[in-house]
Amino acid sequence: MENKETIISQNFDILDVAKTIAKEKGITSEEVLEAMEMAIAKAGRTKYGYELDIRAHVNRDNGYIGLFRYQEVVDNVESLPEEERVNKISKSNLSKDNSQLKTGEFLVDELPPLNFGRIAVQTAKQVIYQKVKEAEKVVQFNEFKDKLGEIVNGVVKRVEYGNLIVDLGKGEAILRREELLNREVFRRSDRIRAYITEVKFDLKGPQIFLSRAHNNFLVKLFQQEVPEIYDGIIEVKSVARDPGSRAKIAVFTKEKSIDPVGACVGMRGSRVQAVVNELQGEKIDIVLWSEDIATFVVNALGPAEVDKVIIEEDLKKIDVIVPDEQLSLAIGRKGQNVRLASALSGWSIDILTISQESERRSEEFKNLSQKFITVLDVDEVIAHLLVTEGFSSVNEIAMVSQGELASIEGFDDDLSTELINRAKNFLEKEKEENTKILKNEGLEDYLLTSKFFTTEQLILLKNNNIKTRDQLADLSSDELVEILNDLDTKKADEIILDFRKHWFKE
């Protein structure tokens, strides 16, 4: 039989082992000791019975291992179903020393120390390994979730079907093939820098996902190379990339003494070149951001020269007119330059040469003149004069004042009045015809006679299957604005409230 000093020495060895494991795995001693307690309890159930509530406790001061059986005190075990009687004891069966225990409390009996057999030892090892591994995974997850959106350095551990498994020191990460740059190849043991896009925890533990193709990887690289970006003096407004090929980055600063583009380029291009080298030669255009969309788009299309721009704000579309010899440069190889400029600005961009734009304007002039000739029953000269003065629809002519129309050279009061009347008559007839069509297609009179909608808007409502007063009243203001895109939210609220009046009366 071992003497007392030997037992105490062994107990303290357990505390030392726990500290050593904790240090190696980067977790706390408490987590290791809890894993040991679960392992010892499992070994105890192997010996005394798997159905028993056996718990282990390691004394944190002297390392003494105690093994205990827990039984819940109940009024009468016999009154319980057979399957619920395990680990229960009736109050009447308590010994005199434990008679003070109340219902719901536990009778705790200490069991003899375990003499671990081979199977029990193996079971204990498995439980300790599993629990320590779980604790290690939680530590890894907590560490890397704080690094989400940051650049990390690692070493390629292995390649699986084109995806890289990257060793980050305290964990592994996945860099999918599609998140690499074009034609980029890494092999085992290669060092790599990447951007953490996602950190999640599942049954396998922490899952860390990396990217070198993400727009923010480019932003973070500039942040590391350009102190003014890191300090917030220069702001990165937007980024557009064809990873590994070309990128555009829009920068801006409120400090008038600082050139944001020059600061990002650096002395003799040193700063931007450091980023280019990391991205395997990806060409980077640094663009000056502007609140004026026309100026910003012109900057974004660089190095191409722009003659003029035509903006359609409602459609968020912009036509860019360039000299004929600048067309290929503005569009770029396979449309890359204009595509990146569009992504950078958030606007749809169409590139036209001066000659193409001239042809388009001539065609529009011709078509609009012909419409006025047909609708207003006027000759070619009057139609051309109306188009030249900027009239683009019959509705504009119907709404213009007689005096304004008479001020056009060659027009008098009688002609102006006649043109306005003809335009109004045409619109009235068109409205009557469209109303008949819409009524035949199921639109209620309340919509057709509403003061809020034009014929074009009624057609849009019909196309979205809004044909009755209740159907429109059931819309939210956002839904109505989406259907009639030239409507603001305040007006939409007014319309919906009007269409719901009958609900309140009912």
Protein backbone atom coordinates (compact mmCIF):
# COMPACT_ATOMS: atom_id res chain seq x y z
CA MET A 1 0.00 0.00 0.00
CA GLU A 2 1.37 3.44 -0.99
CA ASN A 3 2.17 5.83 1.83
CA LYS A 4 0.50 9.22 2.24
CA GLU A 5 3.43 11.19 0.78
CA THR A 6 3.34 9.12 -2.45
CA ILE A 7 -0.43 9.71 -2.89
CA ILE A 8 -0.05 13.48 -2.35
CA SER A 9 2.83 13.52 -4.85
CA GLN A 10 0.70 11.77 -7.47
CA ASN A 11 -2.18 14.16 -6.83
CA PHE A 12 0.05 17.17 -7.37
CA ASP A 13 1.33 15.52 -10.58
CA ILE A 14 -2.21 15.79 -11.96
CA LEU A 15 -2.22 19.55 -11.42
CA ASP A 16 1.18 19.81 -13.12
CA VAL A 17 -0.05 17.74 -16.08
CA ALA A 18 -3.13 19.98 -16.38
CA LYS A 19 -0.95 23.10 -16.43
CA THR A 20 1.36 21.58 -19.05
CA ILE A 21 -1.52 20.56 -21.36
CA ALA A 22 -3.18 23.96 -20.92
CA LYS A 23 0.03 25.76 -21.87
CA GLU A 24 0.60 23.56 -24.95
CA LYS A 25 -2.98 23.94 -26.22
CA GLY A 26 -3.47 27.60 -25.33
CA ILE A 27 -6.41 26.93 -23.01
CA THR A 28 -6.94 27.31 -19.25
CA SER A 29 -5.98 24.74 -16.58
CA GLU A 30 -9.61 24.79 -15.42
CA GLU A 31 -10.78 23.53 -18.82
CA VAL A 32 -8.24 20.68 -18.69
CA LEU A 33 -9.24 19.72 -15.13
CA GLU A 34 -12.93 19.71 -16.11
CA ALA A 35 -12.06 17.37 -19.01
CA MET A 36 -10.16 15.12 -16.57
CA GLU A 37 -13.15 15.03 -14.20
CA MET A 38 -15.45 13.96 -17.04
CA ALA A 39 -12.95 11.26 -18.07
CA ILE A 40 -12.62 9.90 -14.51
CA ALA A 41 -16.42 9.94 -14.08
CA LYS A 42 -16.81 7.97 -17.31
CA ALA A 43 -14.24 5.43 -16.13
CA GLY A 44 -16.15 5.19 -12.82
CA ARG A 45 -19.40 4.41 -14.64
CA THR A 46 -17.54 1.71 -16.60
CA LYS A 47 -16.68 0.02 -13.30
CA TYR A 48 -19.80 0.65 -11.18
CA GLY A 49 -22.54 0.80 -13.82
CA TYR A 50 -23.36 3.09 -16.75
CA GLU A 51 -26.82 3.90 -15.36
CA LEU A 52 -25.43 5.44 -12.15
CA ASP A 53 -24.94 9.19 -11.64
CA ILE A 54 -21.21 9.16 -10.90
CA ARG A 55 -19.22 12.36 -10.76
CA ALA A 56 -15.53 13.09 -10.19
CA HIS A 57 -13.91 16.10 -8.58
CA VAL A 58 -10.24 17.13 -8.63
CA ASN A 59 -9.28 19.34 -5.69
CA ARG A 60 -7.72 22.50 -7.15
CA ASP A 61 -5.43 22.93 -4.14
CA ASN A 62 -3.91 19.50 -3.57
CA GLY A 63 -4.97 17.53 -6.66
CA TYR A 64 -6.92 14.92 -4.68
CA ILE A 65 -9.27 12.95 -6.95
CA GLY A 66 -12.66 12.17 -5.46
CA LEU A 67 -15.20 9.85 -7.03
CA PHE A 68 -18.82 10.20 -5.88
CA ARG A 69 -22.22 8.65 -6.49
CA TYR A 70 -25.19 11.07 -6.51
CA GLN A 71 -28.76 10.03 -5.60
CA GLU A 72 -31.67 12.46 -5.61
CA VAL A 73 -33.85 12.43 -2.49
CA VAL A 74 -37.58 11.85 -3.24
CA ASP A 75 -40.60 11.25 -1.01
CA ASN A 76 -41.20 7.71 -2.20
CA VAL A 77 -39.24 5.89 -4.92
CA GLU A 78 -41.94 3.22 -5.26
CA SER A 79 -44.46 5.80 -6.48
CA LEU A 80 -42.27 6.61 -9.51
CA PRO A 81 -42.35 4.75 -12.85
CA GLU A 82 -39.71 1.99 -13.11
CA GLU A 83 -37.56 3.94 -15.61
CA GLU A 84 -37.38 7.00 -13.29
CA ARG A 85 -36.23 5.16 -10.15
CA VAL A 86 -32.53 5.05 -11.10
CA ASN A 87 -30.39 7.40 -9.02
CA LYS A 88 -33.32 8.16 -6.68
CA ILE A 89 -33.65 7.32 -2.96
CA SER A 90 -36.67 7.57 -0.65
CA LYS A 91 -36.42 9.80 2.39
CA SER A 92 -37.36 6.80 4.52
CA ASN A 93 -34.27 4.92 3.35
CA LEU A 94 -31.82 7.64 4.41
CA SER A 95 -29.41 6.83 7.21
CA LYS A 96 -29.56 8.71 10.47
CA ASP A 97 -26.53 10.81 9.45
CA ASN A 98 -28.30 11.98 6.25
CA SER A 99 -31.84 12.34 7.57
CA GLN A 100 -31.62 16.14 7.34
CA LEU A 101 -31.60 16.01 3.49
CA LYS A 102 -34.72 17.47 1.87
CA THR A 103 -36.66 16.38 -1.20
CA GLY A 104 -34.78 17.49 -4.33
CA GLU A 105 -31.37 17.47 -2.62
CA PHE A 106 -28.71 14.83 -3.32
CA LEU A 107 -27.25 12.07 -1.22
CA VAL A 108 -23.53 12.03 -2.06
CA ASP A 109 -21.53 8.85 -1.32
CA GLU A 110 -17.78 8.76 -1.91
CA LEU A 111 -16.63 5.69 -3.82
CA PRO A 112 -13.30 3.88 -3.41
CA PRO A 113 -10.44 5.25 -5.57
CA LEU A 114 -10.31 3.68 -9.02
CA ASN A 115 -7.70 1.15 -9.96
CA PHE A 116 -7.67 2.04 -13.66
CA GLY A 117 -7.63 -0.93 -15.98
CA ARG A 118 -6.46 -0.76 -19.60
CA ILE A 119 -9.96 -0.10 -21.00
CA ALA A 120 -10.74 2.51 -18.34
CA VAL A 121 -7.44 4.30 -19.01
CA GLN A 122 -8.11 4.32 -22.77
CA THR A 123 -11.65 5.66 -22.21
CA ALA A 124 -10.33 8.41 -19.94
CA LYS A 125 -7.68 9.39 -22.49
CA GLN A 126 -10.28 9.65 -25.26
CA VAL A 127 -12.58 11.86 -23.17
CA ILE A 128 -9.70 14.14 -22.09
CA TYR A 129 -8.47 14.43 -25.69
CA GLN A 130 -11.98 15.20 -26.97
CA LYS A 131 -12.75 17.84 -24.31
CA VAL A 132 -9.35 19.50 -24.65
CA LYS A 133 -9.80 19.57 -28.44
CA GLU A 134 -13.23 21.21 -28.05
CA ALA A 135 -11.82 23.83 -25.67
CA GLU A 136 -8.96 24.45 -28.10
CA LYS A 137 -11.45 25.00 -30.94
CA VAL A 138 -13.41 27.56 -28.90
CA VAL A 139 -10.18 29.48 -28.17
CA GLN A 140 -9.32 29.44 -31.91
CA PHE A 141 -12.79 30.66 -32.88
CA ASN A 142 -12.72 33.52 -30.35
CA GLU A 143 -9.29 34.60 -31.57
CA PHE A 144 -10.08 34.60 -35.29
CA LYS A 145 -13.59 36.07 -35.10
CA ASP A 146 -11.89 39.23 -33.77
CA LYS A 147 -9.65 39.21 -36.88
CA LEU A 148 -12.59 39.12 -39.32
CA GLY A 149 -11.93 41.65 -42.08
CA GLU A 150 -8.17 41.66 -41.49
CA ILE A 151 -5.17 40.42 -43.49
CA VAL A 152 -3.36 37.40 -42.05
CA ASN A 153 -0.12 35.62 -42.94
CA GLY A 154 0.08 31.86 -43.22
CA VAL A 155 1.76 28.87 -44.80
CA VAL A 156 0.13 26.56 -47.34
CA LYS A 157 -0.30 23.24 -45.51
CA ARG A 158 -1.84 21.26 -48.35
CA VAL A 159 -3.79 21.61 -51.60
CA GLU A 160 -7.15 19.84 -51.96
CA TYR A 161 -8.87 19.96 -55.38
CA GLY A 162 -7.41 23.40 -56.02
CA ASN A 163 -8.45 24.74 -52.61
CA LEU A 164 -5.67 25.73 -50.21
CA ILE A 165 -5.55 24.68 -46.56
CA VAL A 166 -3.53 27.42 -44.86
CA ASP A 167 -1.80 27.08 -41.49
CA LEU A 168 -2.27 30.33 -39.55
CA GLY A 169 -0.27 29.19 -36.53
CA LYS A 170 -3.15 28.75 -34.10
CA GLY A 171 -5.59 27.32 -36.59
CA GLU A 172 -6.25 26.32 -40.19
CA ALA A 173 -8.12 28.28 -42.83
CA ILE A 174 -9.59 27.51 -46.24
CA LEU A 175 -8.79 29.55 -49.34
CA ARG A 176 -11.08 28.37 -52.14
CA ARG A 177 -9.82 28.22 -55.69
CA GLU A 178 -12.25 30.93 -56.86
CA GLU A 179 -10.89 33.30 -54.19
CA LEU A 180 -7.39 33.17 -55.70
CA LEU A 181 -6.14 35.57 -58.38
CA ASN A 182 -6.20 34.51 -62.03
CA ARG A 183 -3.38 32.13 -62.94
CA GLU A 184 -2.14 32.21 -59.33
CA VAL A 185 -0.54 28.94 -58.15
CA PHE A 186 0.58 28.08 -54.61
CA ARG A 187 2.30 24.91 -53.45
CA ARG A 188 2.84 23.24 -50.10
CA SER A 189 5.02 25.29 -47.71
CA ASP A 190 4.54 28.54 -49.69
CA ARG A 191 3.96 31.63 -47.56
CA ILE A 192 0.70 33.48 -48.30
CA ARG A 193 -1.19 36.63 -47.30
CA ALA A 194 -4.98 36.74 -47.49
CA TYR A 195 -8.08 38.50 -46.19
CA ILE A 196 -10.43 36.83 -43.67
CA THR A 197 -13.93 36.97 -45.17
CA GLU A 198 -15.83 34.68 -42.79
CA VAL A 199 -15.38 32.91 -39.44
CA LYS A 200 -18.03 30.43 -38.33
CA PHE A 201 -18.31 27.61 -35.80
CA ASP A 202 -19.82 24.25 -36.73
CA LEU A 203 -19.47 20.59 -35.75
CA LYS A 204 -15.96 20.50 -37.20
CA GLY A 205 -14.91 23.48 -35.09
CA PRO A 206 -13.96 26.96 -36.28
CA GLN A 207 -14.17 27.40 -40.05
CA ILE A 208 -12.03 30.29 -41.32
CA PHE A 209 -12.40 31.40 -44.94
CA LEU A 210 -9.81 33.51 -46.77
CA SER A 211 -9.74 35.46 -50.01
CA ARG A 212 -7.21 37.22 -52.21
CA ALA A 213 -9.85 38.26 -54.77
CA HIS A 214 -12.08 40.23 -52.35
CA ASN A 215 -12.29 44.01 -52.91
CA ASN A 216 -11.43 44.64 -49.27
CA PHE A 217 -8.13 42.75 -49.65
CA LEU A 218 -7.04 45.55 -51.97
CA VAL A 219 -8.30 48.20 -49.51
CA LYS A 220 -6.43 46.61 -46.59
CA LEU A 221 -3.21 46.38 -48.62
CA PHE A 222 -3.42 50.11 -49.37
CA GLN A 223 -4.18 50.73 -45.71
CA GLN A 224 -0.91 48.99 -44.81
CA GLU A 225 1.12 50.89 -47.43
CA VAL A 226 -0.48 54.37 -47.17
CA PRO A 227 -0.41 55.88 -43.64
CA GLU A 228 -2.93 58.55 -44.66
CA ILE A 229 -5.53 55.84 -45.38
CA TYR A 230 -4.74 54.04 -42.11
CA ASP A 231 -5.14 57.32 -40.18
CA GLY A 232 -8.43 58.13 -41.94
CA ILE A 233 -7.11 61.28 -43.65
CA ILE A 234 -7.70 59.69 -47.06
CA GLU A 235 -10.95 57.75 -47.52
CA VAL A 236 -11.42 54.85 -49.93
CA LYS A 237 -14.86 55.50 -51.45
CA SER A 238 -15.26 52.46 -53.72
CA VAL A 239 -13.35 49.62 -55.34
CA ALA A 240 -13.85 47.56 -58.51
CA ARG A 241 -11.66 44.58 -59.45
CA ASP A 242 -10.98 41.95 -62.04
CA PRO A 243 -8.79 39.98 -59.61
CA GLY A 244 -5.29 39.44 -60.93
CA SER A 245 -5.88 41.59 -64.02
CA ARG A 246 -6.97 45.14 -63.24
CA ALA A 247 -8.55 47.21 -60.48
CA LYS A 248 -9.85 50.73 -59.91
CA ILE A 249 -9.91 52.37 -56.49
CA ALA A 250 -11.62 55.73 -55.80
CA VAL A 251 -10.06 57.90 -53.08
CA PHE A 252 -10.99 61.23 -51.49
CA THR A 253 -9.79 63.59 -48.77
CA LYS A 254 -11.19 66.70 -47.13
CA GLU A 255 -7.65 68.00 -46.55
CA LYS A 256 -6.99 70.45 -49.37
CA SER A 257 -3.25 70.33 -48.79
CA ILE A 258 -3.11 66.58 -49.63
CA ASP A 259 -3.26 65.01 -53.08
CA PRO A 260 -5.04 61.68 -52.37
CA VAL A 261 -4.03 60.09 -55.68
CA GLY A 262 -0.39 61.14 -55.29
CA ALA A 263 -0.29 59.89 -51.70
CA CYS A 264 -1.53 56.46 -52.79
CA VAL A 265 0.95 56.29 -55.67
CA GLY A 266 3.86 57.24 -53.41
CA MET A 267 7.35 58.48 -54.26
CA ARG A 268 8.20 57.11 -57.72
CA GLY A 269 5.21 54.77 -57.40
CA SER A 270 6.67 52.91 -54.42
CA ARG A 271 3.39 52.54 -52.48
CA VAL A 272 1.17 51.38 -55.31
CA GLN A 273 3.97 49.13 -56.60
CA ALA A 274 4.11 47.29 -53.26
CA VAL A 275 0.39 46.50 -53.63
CA VAL A 276 0.82 45.51 -57.31
CA ASN A 277 3.61 43.10 -56.38
CA GLU A 278 1.44 41.41 -53.72
CA LEU A 279 -1.37 41.02 -56.30
CA GLN A 280 0.87 39.33 -58.88
CA GLY A 281 1.10 42.36 -61.17
CA GLU A 282 -2.59 43.37 -61.08
CA LYS A 283 -2.80 46.80 -62.74
CA ILE A 284 -4.30 49.42 -60.43
CA ASP A 285 -5.93 52.73 -61.46
CA ILE A 286 -6.20 55.22 -58.59
CA VAL A 287 -9.16 57.54 -59.28
CA LEU A 288 -10.08 60.83 -57.62
CA TRP A 289 -13.62 60.54 -56.24
CA SER A 290 -16.07 63.43 -56.78
CA GLU A 291 -19.62 64.18 -55.61
CA ASP A 292 -20.38 65.27 -59.18
CA ILE A 293 -21.18 62.01 -60.95
CA ALA A 294 -20.15 63.34 -64.37
CA THR A 295 -16.69 64.31 -63.08
CA PHE A 296 -16.33 61.03 -61.22
CA VAL A 297 -17.23 58.94 -64.29
CA VAL A 298 -14.79 60.91 -66.44
CA ASN A 299 -12.06 60.23 -63.83
CA ALA A 300 -13.02 56.56 -63.60
CA LEU A 301 -12.74 56.06 -67.37
CA GLY A 302 -9.13 57.23 -67.38
CA PRO A 303 -6.78 57.09 -69.16
CA ALA A 304 -9.36 57.63 -71.93
CA GLU A 305 -10.25 61.23 -72.80
CA VAL A 306 -13.95 62.20 -72.68
CA ASP A 307 -15.61 64.80 -74.90
CA LYS A 308 -18.93 65.13 -73.01
CA VAL A 309 -21.43 63.21 -70.91
CA ILE A 310 -25.23 62.94 -70.99
CA ILE A 311 -26.86 61.99 -67.66
CA GLU A 312 -30.23 60.24 -67.20
CA GLU A 313 -30.69 60.42 -63.42
CA ASP A 314 -33.99 58.53 -63.29
CA LEU A 315 -32.39 55.48 -64.91
CA LYS A 316 -29.04 56.05 -63.17
CA LYS A 317 -27.50 55.89 -66.63
CA ILE A 318 -24.83 58.01 -68.23
CA ASP A 319 -23.82 58.25 -71.90
CA VAL A 320 -20.15 59.12 -72.39
CA ILE A 321 -19.09 60.67 -75.70
CA VAL A 322 -15.43 60.16 -76.67
CA PRO A 323 -13.39 61.05 -79.75
CA ASP A 324 -13.42 58.25 -82.34
CA GLU A 325 -9.75 57.40 -81.74
CA GLN A 326 -10.38 57.05 -77.94
CA LEU A 327 -13.18 54.46 -78.24
CA SER A 328 -11.07 51.31 -77.79
CA LEU A 329 -9.18 52.87 -74.87
CA ALA A 330 -12.42 53.92 -73.14
CA ILE A 331 -14.02 50.50 -73.55
CA GLY A 332 -10.84 48.59 -72.73
CA ARG A 333 -9.86 45.02 -73.54
CA LYS A 334 -13.03 42.87 -73.57
CA GLY A 335 -14.91 45.88 -72.13
CA GLN A 336 -12.85 45.82 -68.93
CA ASN A 337 -12.27 49.56 -68.53
CA VAL A 338 -15.92 50.62 -68.89
CA ARG A 339 -17.11 47.65 -66.83
CA LEU A 340 -14.84 48.55 -63.90
CA ALA A 341 -15.74 52.25 -64.19
CA SER A 342 -19.44 51.30 -64.05
CA ALA A 343 -18.88 49.11 -60.96
CA LEU A 344 -16.80 51.84 -59.32
CA SER A 345 -19.42 54.57 -59.86
CA GLY A 346 -22.56 52.45 -59.47
CA TRP A 347 -23.97 53.91 -62.70
CA SER A 348 -24.67 52.23 -66.04
CA ILE A 349 -22.24 53.65 -68.62
CA ASP A 350 -22.63 53.61 -72.41
CA ILE A 351 -19.66 54.66 -74.54
CA LEU A 352 -20.32 56.43 -77.85
CA THR A 353 -18.02 58.11 -80.33
CA ILE A 354 -18.73 61.66 -81.47
CA SER A 355 -19.83 60.36 -84.87
CA GLN A 356 -22.10 57.68 -83.31
CA GLU A 357 -23.69 60.25 -81.01
CA SER A 358 -24.24 62.58 -83.97
CA GLU A 359 -25.95 59.78 -85.91
CA ARG A 360 -28.11 58.90 -82.90
CA ARG A 361 -29.18 62.51 -82.39
CA SER A 362 -30.03 62.80 -86.11
CA GLU A 363 -32.16 59.65 -85.89
CA GLU A 364 -33.93 60.89 -82.73
CA PHE A 365 -34.51 64.29 -84.39
CA LYS A 366 -35.98 62.59 -87.43
CA ASN A 367 -38.27 60.25 -85.43
CA LEU A 368 -39.54 63.01 -83.14
CA SER A 369 -40.19 65.38 -86.04
CA GLN A 370 -42.17 62.66 -87.82
CA LYS A 371 -44.23 62.09 -84.66
CA PHE A 372 -45.13 65.78 -84.44
CA ILE A 373 -46.00 65.85 -88.18
CA THR A 374 -48.37 62.88 -87.74
CA VAL A 375 -49.94 63.76 -84.39
CA LEU A 376 -50.25 67.54 -84.74
CA ASP A 377 -50.89 67.52 -88.51
CA VAL A 378 -48.18 70.12 -89.20
CA ASP A 379 -45.61 70.51 -91.94
CA GLU A 380 -41.94 69.50 -91.67
CA VAL A 381 -40.70 73.06 -90.94
CA ILE A 382 -42.92 73.52 -87.84
CA ALA A 383 -42.07 70.02 -86.59
CA HIS A 384 -38.32 70.72 -86.93
CA LEU A 385 -38.69 74.04 -85.10
CA LEU A 386 -40.47 72.33 -82.18
CA VAL A 387 -37.74 69.66 -81.86
CA THR A 388 -34.98 72.27 -82.16
CA GLU A 389 -36.56 74.26 -79.30
CA GLY A 390 -36.28 71.16 -77.05
CA PHE A 391 -39.81 69.74 -77.12
CA SER A 392 -39.56 65.95 -76.82
CA SER A 393 -43.20 64.91 -76.37
CA VAL A 394 -46.76 65.93 -77.25
CA ASN A 395 -47.47 66.28 -73.55
CA GLU A 396 -44.83 69.05 -73.23
CA ILE A 397 -46.55 71.01 -76.04
CA ALA A 398 -49.97 70.57 -74.38
CA MET A 399 -48.62 71.88 -71.06
CA VAL A 400 -46.63 74.88 -72.37
CA SER A 401 -48.06 78.42 -72.12
CA GLN A 402 -49.31 80.09 -75.28
CA GLY A 403 -46.93 83.01 -74.79
CA GLU A 404 -43.87 80.77 -74.49
CA LEU A 405 -44.75 78.89 -77.66
CA ALA A 406 -45.47 82.16 -79.53
CA SER A 407 -41.99 83.44 -78.65
CA ILE A 408 -40.44 80.91 -81.04
CA GLU A 409 -39.26 82.67 -84.19
CA GLY A 410 -41.80 82.14 -86.99
CA PHE A 411 -44.67 81.34 -84.59
CA ASP A 412 -47.57 83.72 -83.86
CA ASP A 413 -50.43 83.69 -81.32
CA ASP A 414 -52.89 81.88 -83.59
CA LEU A 415 -50.42 79.13 -84.52
CA SER A 416 -49.38 78.64 -80.88
CA THR A 417 -52.98 78.35 -79.70
CA GLU A 418 -53.79 75.90 -82.49
CA LEU A 419 -50.77 73.68 -81.71
CA ILE A 420 -51.61 73.56 -77.99
CA ASN A 421 -55.27 72.68 -78.74
CA ARG A 422 -54.24 69.94 -81.19
CA ALA A 423 -51.84 68.47 -78.63
CA LYS A 424 -54.53 68.49 -75.92
CA ASN A 425 -57.09 66.91 -78.24
CA PHE A 426 -54.64 64.15 -79.18
CA LEU A 427 -53.87 63.40 -75.52
CA GLU A 428 -57.57 63.38 -74.63
CA LYS A 429 -58.38 60.91 -77.42
CA GLU A 430 -55.40 58.75 -76.47
CA LYS A 431 -56.53 58.75 -72.84
CA GLU A 432 -60.09 57.73 -73.81
CA GLU A 433 -58.80 54.86 -75.94
CA ASN A 434 -56.42 53.65 -73.23
CA THR A 435 -59.16 53.94 -70.58
CA LYS A 436 -61.43 51.69 -72.66
CA ILE A 437 -58.63 49.15 -73.05
CA LEU A 438 -57.79 49.24 -69.33
CA LYS A 439 -61.44 48.91 -68.36
CA ASN A 440 -61.81 45.90 -70.62
CA GLU A 441 -58.79 44.37 -68.91
CA GLY A 442 -60.41 44.65 -65.48
CA LEU A 443 -59.33 47.99 -63.96
CA GLU A 444 -61.94 49.41 -61.55
CA ASP A 445 -63.47 52.84 -62.20
CA TYR A 446 -61.98 54.17 -58.95
CA LEU A 447 -58.50 53.74 -60.41
CA LEU A 448 -59.46 54.93 -63.89
CA THR A 449 -61.00 58.18 -62.59
CA SER A 450 -58.40 58.81 -59.89
CA LYS A 451 -56.73 62.24 -59.95
CA PHE A 452 -53.44 60.65 -58.90
CA PHE A 453 -52.53 58.59 -61.98
CA THR A 454 -51.58 59.24 -65.59
CA THR A 455 -52.50 56.72 -68.27
CA GLU A 456 -48.90 55.47 -68.32
CA GLN A 457 -49.01 54.88 -64.57
CA LEU A 458 -52.32 53.01 -64.84
CA ILE A 459 -50.72 50.73 -67.44
CA LEU A 460 -47.85 50.05 -65.03
CA LEU A 461 -50.34 49.20 -62.26
CA LYS A 462 -52.20 46.84 -64.62
CA ASN A 463 -48.94 45.16 -65.64
CA ASN A 464 -48.26 44.53 -61.92
CA ASN A 465 -51.77 43.02 -61.48
CA ILE A 466 -53.06 46.00 -59.43
CA LYS A 467 -56.58 46.38 -60.84
CA THR A 468 -58.84 47.18 -57.87
CA ARG A 469 -59.08 49.81 -55.14
CA ASP A 470 -58.43 47.19 -52.42
CA GLN A 471 -55.40 45.77 -54.20
CA LEU A 472 -53.77 49.20 -54.33
CA ALA A 473 -54.83 50.03 -50.75
CA ASP A 474 -53.13 46.84 -49.60
CA LEU A 475 -49.73 48.01 -50.94
CA SER A 476 -47.03 49.61 -48.82
CA SER A 477 -45.64 52.96 -49.94
CA ASP A 478 -42.32 51.28 -50.85
CA GLU A 479 -44.13 48.79 -53.10
CA LEU A 480 -46.04 51.57 -54.87
CA VAL A 481 -42.83 53.58 -55.39
CA GLU A 482 -41.19 50.47 -56.86
CA ILE A 483 -44.04 50.02 -59.36
CA LEU A 484 -44.22 53.72 -60.28
CA ASN A 485 -40.54 54.61 -60.13
CA ASP A 486 -41.12 58.35 -60.74
CA LEU A 487 -43.11 58.61 -57.47
CA ASP A 488 -41.71 59.77 -54.12
CA THR A 489 -42.58 58.16 -50.77
CA LYS A 490 -44.58 61.14 -49.48
CA LYS A 491 -46.86 61.09 -52.54
CA ALA A 492 -47.20 57.32 -52.28
CA ASP A 493 -48.36 57.65 -48.65
CA GLU A 494 -50.98 60.21 -49.73
CA ILE A 495 -52.32 57.96 -52.49
CA ILE A 496 -52.53 54.84 -50.30
CA LEU A 497 -54.28 56.77 -47.52
CA ASP A 498 -56.87 58.01 -50.02
CA PHE A 499 -57.45 54.48 -51.32
CA ARG A 500 -57.96 53.17 -47.74
CA LYS A 501 -60.64 55.67 -46.74
CA HIS A 502 -63.49 53.23 -47.37
CA TRP A 503 -61.88 50.75 -44.96
CA PHE A 504 -62.19 53.25 -42.08
CA LYS A 505 -65.81 54.03 -42.94
CA GLU A 506 -66.69 50.34 -42.97
